[in-house]
Amino acid sequence: MVPTQVDADGVPYSDDMPWPVGTCLTSTTNVMGVTTSQEVACEEATQIVFVGGTIDPASPAGSSTEALTNDPLVNAVCPEEYAARFGLETSTSYSISTMGPTDEE
């Protein structure tokens, strides 16, 4: 992940994010194992976009999943602090996950 921009609140984001910070999403996985997400009302959401960045195009990773897993900046821009700003109750069970482009992108 290359260094990201930060908004007025200091939250990392990227101009090429498919959804802006604060977008509420739900995801489905089809029988081929492909997961897609779509924007929904926040009361229906299973995910919320709370930060973003851009994978370094010089990454030697063979897939976007590998790039997201191996890039040290991913963990740096995905702390609980940013999640809590968007209402994630960090004192209960939760998970923070990354969403990346397709391998071709």
C-alpha atoms as a PDB file:
ATOM      1  CA  MET A   1       0.000   0.000   0.000  1.00  0.00           C
ATOM      2  CA  VAL A   2       1.401   3.361  -0.902  1.00  0.00           C
ATOM      3  CA  PRO A   3       1.109   6.279   1.528  1.00  0.00           C
ATOM      4  CA  THR A   4      -2.448   7.494   1.684  1.00  0.00           C
ATOM      5  CA  GLN A   5      -4.118  10.837   1.903  1.00  0.00           C
ATOM      6  CA  VAL A   6      -5.922  11.822   5.088  1.00  0.00           C
ATOM      7  CA  ASP A   7      -9.191  13.702   5.383  1.00  0.00           C
ATOM      8  CA  ALA A   8      -9.904  16.621   7.725  1.00  0.00           C
ATOM      9  CA  ASP A   9     -10.378  14.149  10.602  1.00  0.00           C
ATOM     10  CA  GLY A  10      -7.031  12.466   9.899  1.00  0.00           C
ATOM     11  CA  VAL A  11      -8.660   9.323   8.464  1.00  0.00           C
ATOM     12  CA  PRO A  12      -6.713   7.653   5.623  1.00  0.00           C
ATOM     13  CA  TYR A  13      -8.452   7.378   2.250  1.00  0.00           C
ATOM     14  CA  SER A  14      -7.609   7.008  -1.414  1.00  0.00           C
ATOM     15  CA  ASP A  15      -9.109   8.618  -4.514  1.00  0.00           C
ATOM     16  CA  ASP A  16      -9.455   5.200  -6.156  1.00  0.00           C
ATOM     17  CA  MET A  17     -11.567   3.622  -3.388  1.00  0.00           C
ATOM     18  CA  PRO A  18     -14.751   2.077  -4.836  1.00  0.00           C
ATOM     19  CA  TRP A  19     -16.785   3.502  -1.914  1.00  0.00           C
ATOM     20  CA  PRO A  20     -16.030   6.589   0.157  1.00  0.00           C
ATOM     21  CA  VAL A  21     -15.275   6.429   3.873  1.00  0.00           C
ATOM     22  CA  GLY A  22     -18.519   6.028   5.820  1.00  0.00           C
ATOM     23  CA  THR A  23     -20.299   3.890   3.201  1.00  0.00           C
ATOM     24  CA  CYS A  24     -22.378   1.019   4.626  1.00  0.00           C
ATOM     25  CA  LEU A  25     -22.160  -2.282   2.751  1.00  0.00           C
ATOM     26  CA  THR A  26     -23.443  -5.825   2.726  1.00  0.00           C
ATOM     27  CA  SER A  27     -21.562  -8.666   1.074  1.00  0.00           C
ATOM     28  CA  THR A  28     -22.554 -11.897  -0.593  1.00  0.00           C
ATOM     29  CA  THR A  29     -20.406 -14.784  -1.788  1.00  0.00           C
ATOM     30  CA  ASN A  30     -21.517 -16.789  -4.809  1.00  0.00           C
ATOM     31  CA  VAL A  31     -20.950 -20.495  -5.432  1.00  0.00           C
ATOM     32  CA  MET A  32     -17.716 -19.733  -7.286  1.00  0.00           C
ATOM     33  CA  GLY A  33     -16.323 -18.087  -4.137  1.00  0.00           C
ATOM     34  CA  VAL A  34     -16.475 -14.534  -5.468  1.00  0.00           C
ATOM     35  CA  THR A  35     -17.531 -11.990  -2.856  1.00  0.00           C
ATOM     36  CA  THR A  36     -19.310  -8.847  -3.962  1.00  0.00           C
ATOM     37  CA  SER A  37     -20.435  -5.903  -1.872  1.00  0.00           C
ATOM     38  CA  GLN A  38     -23.174  -3.394  -2.412  1.00  0.00           C
ATOM     39  CA  GLU A  39     -24.149  -0.194  -0.671  1.00  0.00           C
ATOM     40  CA  VAL A  40     -27.124  -0.480   1.696  1.00  0.00           C
ATOM     41  CA  ALA A  41     -28.776   1.540   4.450  1.00  0.00           C
ATOM     42  CA  CYS A  42     -26.550   1.454   7.523  1.00  0.00           C
ATOM     43  CA  GLU A  43     -29.140  -0.392   9.618  1.00  0.00           C
ATOM     44  CA  GLU A  44     -28.916  -3.264   7.080  1.00  0.00           C
ATOM     45  CA  ALA A  45     -25.118  -3.212   6.787  1.00  0.00           C
ATOM     46  CA  THR A  46     -22.670  -5.922   7.758  1.00  0.00           C
ATOM     47  CA  GLN A  47     -19.660  -3.741   6.930  1.00  0.00           C
ATOM     48  CA  ILE A  48     -18.694  -0.074   6.968  1.00  0.00           C
ATOM     49  CA  VAL A  49     -15.854   1.573   5.056  1.00  0.00           C
ATOM     50  CA  PHE A  50     -13.797   3.434   7.632  1.00  0.00           C
ATOM     51  CA  VAL A  51     -10.373   3.890   5.965  1.00  0.00           C
ATOM     52  CA  GLY A  52      -8.726   3.265   2.625  1.00  0.00           C
ATOM     53  CA  GLY A  53      -5.496   3.243   0.718  1.00  0.00           C
ATOM     54  CA  THR A  54      -3.856   2.101  -2.491  1.00  0.00           C
ATOM     55  CA  ILE A  55      -1.817  -1.059  -2.949  1.00  0.00           C
ATOM     56  CA  ASP A  56       1.675  -0.283  -4.179  1.00  0.00           C
ATOM     57  CA  PRO A  57       1.732  -1.220  -7.896  1.00  0.00           C
ATOM     58  CA  ALA A  58       5.350  -2.343  -7.451  1.00  0.00           C
ATOM     59  CA  SER A  59       4.237  -5.017  -4.981  1.00  0.00           C
ATOM     60  CA  PRO A  60       5.705  -8.428  -5.859  1.00  0.00           C
ATOM     61  CA  ALA A  61       2.464 -10.087  -4.708  1.00  0.00           C
ATOM     62  CA  GLY A  62       0.785 -12.516  -7.092  1.00  0.00           C
ATOM     63  CA  SER A  63      -2.746 -11.483  -6.090  1.00  0.00           C
ATOM     64  CA  SER A  64      -4.609  -8.649  -4.402  1.00  0.00           C
ATOM     65  CA  THR A  65      -5.240 -10.923  -1.402  1.00  0.00           C
ATOM     66  CA  GLU A  66      -1.506 -11.549  -1.040  1.00  0.00           C
ATOM     67  CA  ALA A  67      -0.763  -7.832  -1.420  1.00  0.00           C
ATOM     68  CA  LEU A  68      -3.312  -6.911   1.268  1.00  0.00           C
ATOM     69  CA  THR A  69      -1.966  -9.604   3.585  1.00  0.00           C
ATOM     70  CA  ASN A  70       1.706  -8.747   3.111  1.00  0.00           C
ATOM     71  CA  ASP A  71       1.645  -4.954   2.877  1.00  0.00           C
ATOM     72  CA  PRO A  72       2.773  -3.513   6.243  1.00  0.00           C
ATOM     73  CA  LEU A  73       0.796  -0.311   5.702  1.00  0.00           C
ATOM     74  CA  VAL A  74      -2.520  -2.222   5.671  1.00  0.00           C
ATOM     75  CA  ASN A  75      -2.354  -2.814   9.423  1.00  0.00           C
ATOM     76  CA  ALA A  76      -1.086   0.713   9.939  1.00  0.00           C
ATOM     77  CA  VAL A  77      -4.202   2.275   8.372  1.00  0.00           C
ATOM     78  CA  CYS A  78      -6.744  -0.164   9.856  1.00  0.00           C
ATOM     79  CA  PRO A  79      -6.598   0.312  13.645  1.00  0.00           C
ATOM     80  CA  GLU A  80      -9.528   0.117  16.070  1.00  0.00           C
ATOM     81  CA  GLU A  81      -9.342   3.880  16.522  1.00  0.00           C
ATOM     82  CA  TYR A  82     -10.715   4.553  13.037  1.00  0.00           C
ATOM     83  CA  ALA A  83     -13.314   1.786  13.323  1.00  0.00           C
ATOM     84  CA  ALA A  84     -14.607   3.251  16.589  1.00  0.00           C
ATOM     85  CA  ARG A  85     -15.164   6.627  14.885  1.00  0.00           C
ATOM     86  CA  PHE A  86     -17.782   4.948  12.698  1.00  0.00           C
ATOM     87  CA  GLY A  87     -19.642   3.256  15.526  1.00  0.00           C
ATOM     88  CA  LEU A  88     -17.940  -0.135  15.731  1.00  0.00           C
ATOM     89  CA  GLU A  89     -18.285  -1.317  19.317  1.00  0.00           C
ATOM     90  CA  THR A  90     -14.697  -2.378  19.945  1.00  0.00           C
ATOM     91  CA  SER A  91     -15.468  -3.832  23.385  1.00  0.00           C
ATOM     92  CA  THR A  92     -17.484  -6.640  21.765  1.00  0.00           C
ATOM     93  CA  SER A  93     -16.496  -9.296  19.237  1.00  0.00           C
ATOM     94  CA  TYR A  94     -15.802  -7.887  15.778  1.00  0.00           C
ATOM     95  CA  SER A  95     -13.446  -8.291  12.876  1.00  0.00           C
ATOM     96  CA  ILE A  96     -11.645  -5.829  10.658  1.00  0.00           C
ATOM     97  CA  SER A  97     -11.160  -7.010   7.111  1.00  0.00           C
ATOM     98  CA  THR A  98      -9.767  -5.569   3.934  1.00  0.00           C
ATOM     99  CA  MET A  99     -11.426  -5.333   0.564  1.00  0.00           C
ATOM    100  CA  GLY A 100      -9.245  -5.145  -2.456  1.00  0.00           C
ATOM    101  CA  PRO A 101      -9.489  -4.909  -6.182  1.00  0.00           C
ATOM    102  CA  THR A 102      -9.671  -7.935  -8.404  1.00  0.00           C
ATOM    103  CA  ASP A 103      -6.320  -9.552  -9.165  1.00  0.00           C
ATOM    104  CA  GLU A 104      -6.393  -8.007 -12.636  1.00  0.00           C
ATOM    105  CA  GLU A 105      -6.901  -4.516 -11.202  1.00  0.00           C
END
